[in-house]
Amino acid sequence: MNVALSIAENWYFYDFLDKICPSYLAPSCYVLLYSIMDSEAARVQIEEIGHIKERKRLTLLING
């Protein structure tokens, strides 16, 4: 579970990144969870609200 987040702290992954792009500093798991993911979720929500405001006669179904 959470493979995408657990790999962020994997030393083999850091070694791989260092080989393909030595100047790149990978974000930590904390930064991924509380900065990047939160800002991306907010961006998507704002984009969806913009699409909804442009529509007329819209039925929006949310599952979950």
N, C-alpha and C. Protein backbone atom coordinates (compact mmCIF):
# COMPACT_ATOMS: atom_id res chain seq x y z
N MET A 1 0.83 -1.18 0.00
CA MET A 1 0.00 0.00 0.00
C MET A 1 0.87 1.25 0.00
N ASN A 2 0.33 2.33 -0.49
CA ASN A 2 1.03 3.62 -0.53
C ASN A 2 2.41 3.52 -1.17
N VAL A 3 2.52 2.78 -2.25
CA VAL A 3 3.80 2.58 -2.90
C VAL A 3 4.39 3.92 -3.34
N ALA A 4 3.57 4.79 -3.88
CA ALA A 4 4.07 6.08 -4.36
C ALA A 4 4.70 6.89 -3.23
N LEU A 5 4.14 6.83 -2.05
CA LEU A 5 4.69 7.60 -0.93
C LEU A 5 5.83 6.87 -0.24
N SER A 6 5.77 5.55 -0.17
CA SER A 6 6.85 4.83 0.49
C SER A 6 8.14 4.85 -0.33
N ILE A 7 8.02 4.96 -1.64
CA ILE A 7 9.22 5.00 -2.47
C ILE A 7 9.95 6.33 -2.31
N ALA A 8 9.25 7.34 -1.84
CA ALA A 8 9.87 8.66 -1.65
C ALA A 8 10.97 8.63 -0.60
N GLU A 9 10.97 7.63 0.26
CA GLU A 9 12.01 7.53 1.29
C GLU A 9 12.87 6.28 1.12
N ASN A 10 12.86 5.72 -0.07
CA ASN A 10 13.63 4.52 -0.36
C ASN A 10 15.03 4.91 -0.85
N TRP A 11 16.07 4.36 -0.23
CA TRP A 11 17.45 4.74 -0.59
C TRP A 11 17.82 4.28 -1.98
N TYR A 12 17.25 3.17 -2.44
CA TYR A 12 17.52 2.72 -3.81
C TYR A 12 16.95 3.72 -4.83
N PHE A 13 15.80 4.27 -4.51
CA PHE A 13 15.19 5.28 -5.38
C PHE A 13 16.06 6.55 -5.40
N TYR A 14 16.56 6.96 -4.23
CA TYR A 14 17.46 8.12 -4.18
C TYR A 14 18.71 7.87 -5.01
N ASP A 15 19.24 6.66 -4.93
CA ASP A 15 20.43 6.31 -5.71
C ASP A 15 20.12 6.37 -7.20
N PHE A 16 18.96 5.87 -7.60
CA PHE A 16 18.53 5.91 -9.00
C PHE A 16 18.41 7.36 -9.48
N LEU A 17 17.77 8.20 -8.68
CA LEU A 17 17.63 9.61 -9.06
C LEU A 17 18.99 10.29 -9.16
N ASP A 18 19.90 9.94 -8.27
CA ASP A 18 21.23 10.53 -8.30
C ASP A 18 21.98 10.14 -9.57
N LYS A 19 21.73 8.95 -10.07
CA LYS A 19 22.40 8.51 -11.30
C LYS A 19 21.83 9.19 -12.54
N ILE A 20 20.50 9.39 -12.58
CA ILE A 20 19.91 9.98 -13.79
C ILE A 20 19.95 11.50 -13.79
N CYS A 21 19.93 12.10 -12.60
CA CYS A 21 19.97 13.57 -12.52
C CYS A 21 20.57 13.97 -11.17
N PRO A 22 21.89 14.08 -11.08
CA PRO A 22 22.54 14.32 -9.79
C PRO A 22 22.15 15.62 -9.10
N SER A 23 21.72 16.62 -9.84
CA SER A 23 21.40 17.90 -9.22
C SER A 23 19.97 17.95 -8.65
N TYR A 24 19.14 16.93 -8.94
CA TYR A 24 17.75 16.92 -8.48
C TYR A 24 17.68 16.47 -7.03
N LEU A 25 16.95 17.21 -6.21
CA LEU A 25 16.70 16.83 -4.82
C LEU A 25 15.25 16.39 -4.71
N ALA A 26 15.05 15.12 -4.46
CA ALA A 26 13.69 14.57 -4.36
C ALA A 26 13.01 15.09 -3.10
N PRO A 27 11.71 15.41 -3.19
CA PRO A 27 10.99 15.85 -1.99
C PRO A 27 10.79 14.70 -1.01
N SER A 28 10.71 15.05 0.26
CA SER A 28 10.47 14.02 1.28
C SER A 28 9.01 13.59 1.24
N CYS A 29 8.72 12.54 1.96
CA CYS A 29 7.35 12.04 2.05
C CYS A 29 6.43 13.11 2.66
N TYR A 30 6.93 13.82 3.66
CA TYR A 30 6.15 14.88 4.30
C TYR A 30 5.81 15.98 3.30
N VAL A 31 6.78 16.40 2.52
CA VAL A 31 6.55 17.45 1.52
C VAL A 31 5.55 16.98 0.47
N LEU A 32 5.68 15.71 0.06
CA LEU A 32 4.73 15.17 -0.91
C LEU A 32 3.30 15.19 -0.37
N LEU A 33 3.14 14.74 0.87
CA LEU A 33 1.80 14.65 1.45
C LEU A 33 1.18 16.00 1.75
N TYR A 34 1.93 16.88 2.39
CA TYR A 34 1.34 18.08 2.95
C TYR A 34 1.58 19.34 2.14
N SER A 35 2.33 19.27 1.09
CA SER A 35 2.56 20.46 0.28
C SER A 35 2.14 20.20 -1.16
N ILE A 36 2.77 19.26 -1.80
CA ILE A 36 2.51 19.01 -3.22
C ILE A 36 1.11 18.44 -3.43
N MET A 37 0.73 17.42 -2.67
CA MET A 37 -0.59 16.80 -2.85
C MET A 37 -1.71 17.76 -2.48
N ASP A 38 -1.55 18.51 -1.40
CA ASP A 38 -2.59 19.47 -1.00
C ASP A 38 -2.77 20.56 -2.05
N SER A 39 -1.66 21.08 -2.58
CA SER A 39 -1.78 22.14 -3.58
C SER A 39 -2.37 21.60 -4.87
N GLU A 40 -2.04 20.38 -5.23
CA GLU A 40 -2.62 19.78 -6.44
C GLU A 40 -4.11 19.52 -6.26
N ALA A 41 -4.52 19.05 -5.10
CA ALA A 41 -5.95 18.82 -4.83
C ALA A 41 -6.72 20.14 -4.89
N ALA A 42 -6.15 21.20 -4.34
CA ALA A 42 -6.80 22.52 -4.39
C ALA A 42 -6.90 23.02 -5.82
N ARG A 43 -5.83 22.82 -6.62
CA ARG A 43 -5.85 23.26 -8.01
C ARG A 43 -6.93 22.54 -8.81
N VAL A 44 -7.04 21.23 -8.61
CA VAL A 44 -8.05 20.45 -9.32
C VAL A 44 -9.46 20.87 -8.90
N GLN A 45 -9.66 21.12 -7.62
CA GLN A 45 -10.97 21.53 -7.14
C GLN A 45 -11.36 22.89 -7.73
N ILE A 46 -10.44 23.82 -7.78
CA ILE A 46 -10.72 25.13 -8.38
C ILE A 46 -11.04 25.00 -9.86
N GLU A 47 -10.30 24.12 -10.55
CA GLU A 47 -10.55 23.89 -11.97
C GLU A 47 -11.94 23.28 -12.19
N GLU A 48 -12.33 22.32 -11.35
CA GLU A 48 -13.65 21.70 -11.46
C GLU A 48 -14.75 22.71 -11.19
N ILE A 49 -14.57 23.57 -10.21
CA ILE A 49 -15.57 24.60 -9.91
C ILE A 49 -15.73 25.53 -11.10
N GLY A 50 -14.61 25.87 -11.75
CA GLY A 50 -14.68 26.72 -12.94
C GLY A 50 -15.45 26.05 -14.07
N HIS A 51 -15.24 24.75 -14.27
CA HIS A 51 -15.99 24.03 -15.31
C HIS A 51 -17.47 23.98 -14.97
N ILE A 52 -17.80 23.77 -13.71
CA ILE A 52 -19.20 23.68 -13.29
C ILE A 52 -19.90 25.01 -13.47
N LYS A 53 -19.23 26.11 -13.16
CA LYS A 53 -19.84 27.44 -13.30
C LYS A 53 -20.16 27.77 -14.76
N GLU A 54 -19.41 27.22 -15.70
CA GLU A 54 -19.64 27.49 -17.12
C GLU A 54 -20.82 26.71 -17.68
N ARG A 55 -21.22 25.65 -17.03
CA ARG A 55 -22.26 24.76 -17.56
C ARG A 55 -23.65 25.21 -17.14
N LYS A 56 -24.60 24.86 -17.97
CA LYS A 56 -26.01 25.07 -17.65
C LYS A 56 -26.69 23.71 -17.71
N ARG A 57 -27.72 23.54 -16.92
CA ARG A 57 -28.46 22.27 -16.86
C ARG A 57 -27.51 21.11 -16.57
N LEU A 58 -26.82 21.21 -15.48
CA LEU A 58 -25.80 20.23 -15.13
C LEU A 58 -26.26 19.40 -13.95
N THR A 59 -26.08 18.10 -14.05
CA THR A 59 -26.31 17.20 -12.94
C THR A 59 -24.95 16.66 -12.52
N LEU A 60 -24.59 16.90 -11.29
CA LEU A 60 -23.29 16.46 -10.79
C LEU A 60 -23.51 15.33 -9.81
N LEU A 61 -22.93 14.16 -10.11
CA LEU A 61 -23.03 13.02 -9.21
C LEU A 61 -21.67 12.78 -8.58
N ILE A 62 -21.66 12.64 -7.28
CA ILE A 62 -20.42 12.37 -6.56
C ILE A 62 -20.59 11.04 -5.84
N ASN A 63 -19.68 10.12 -6.11
CA ASN A 63 -19.74 8.80 -5.50
C ASN A 63 -18.72 8.74 -4.37
N GLY A 64 -19.16 8.43 -3.21
CA GLY A 64 -18.24 8.26 -2.10
C GLY A 64 -18.50 9.22 -1.05
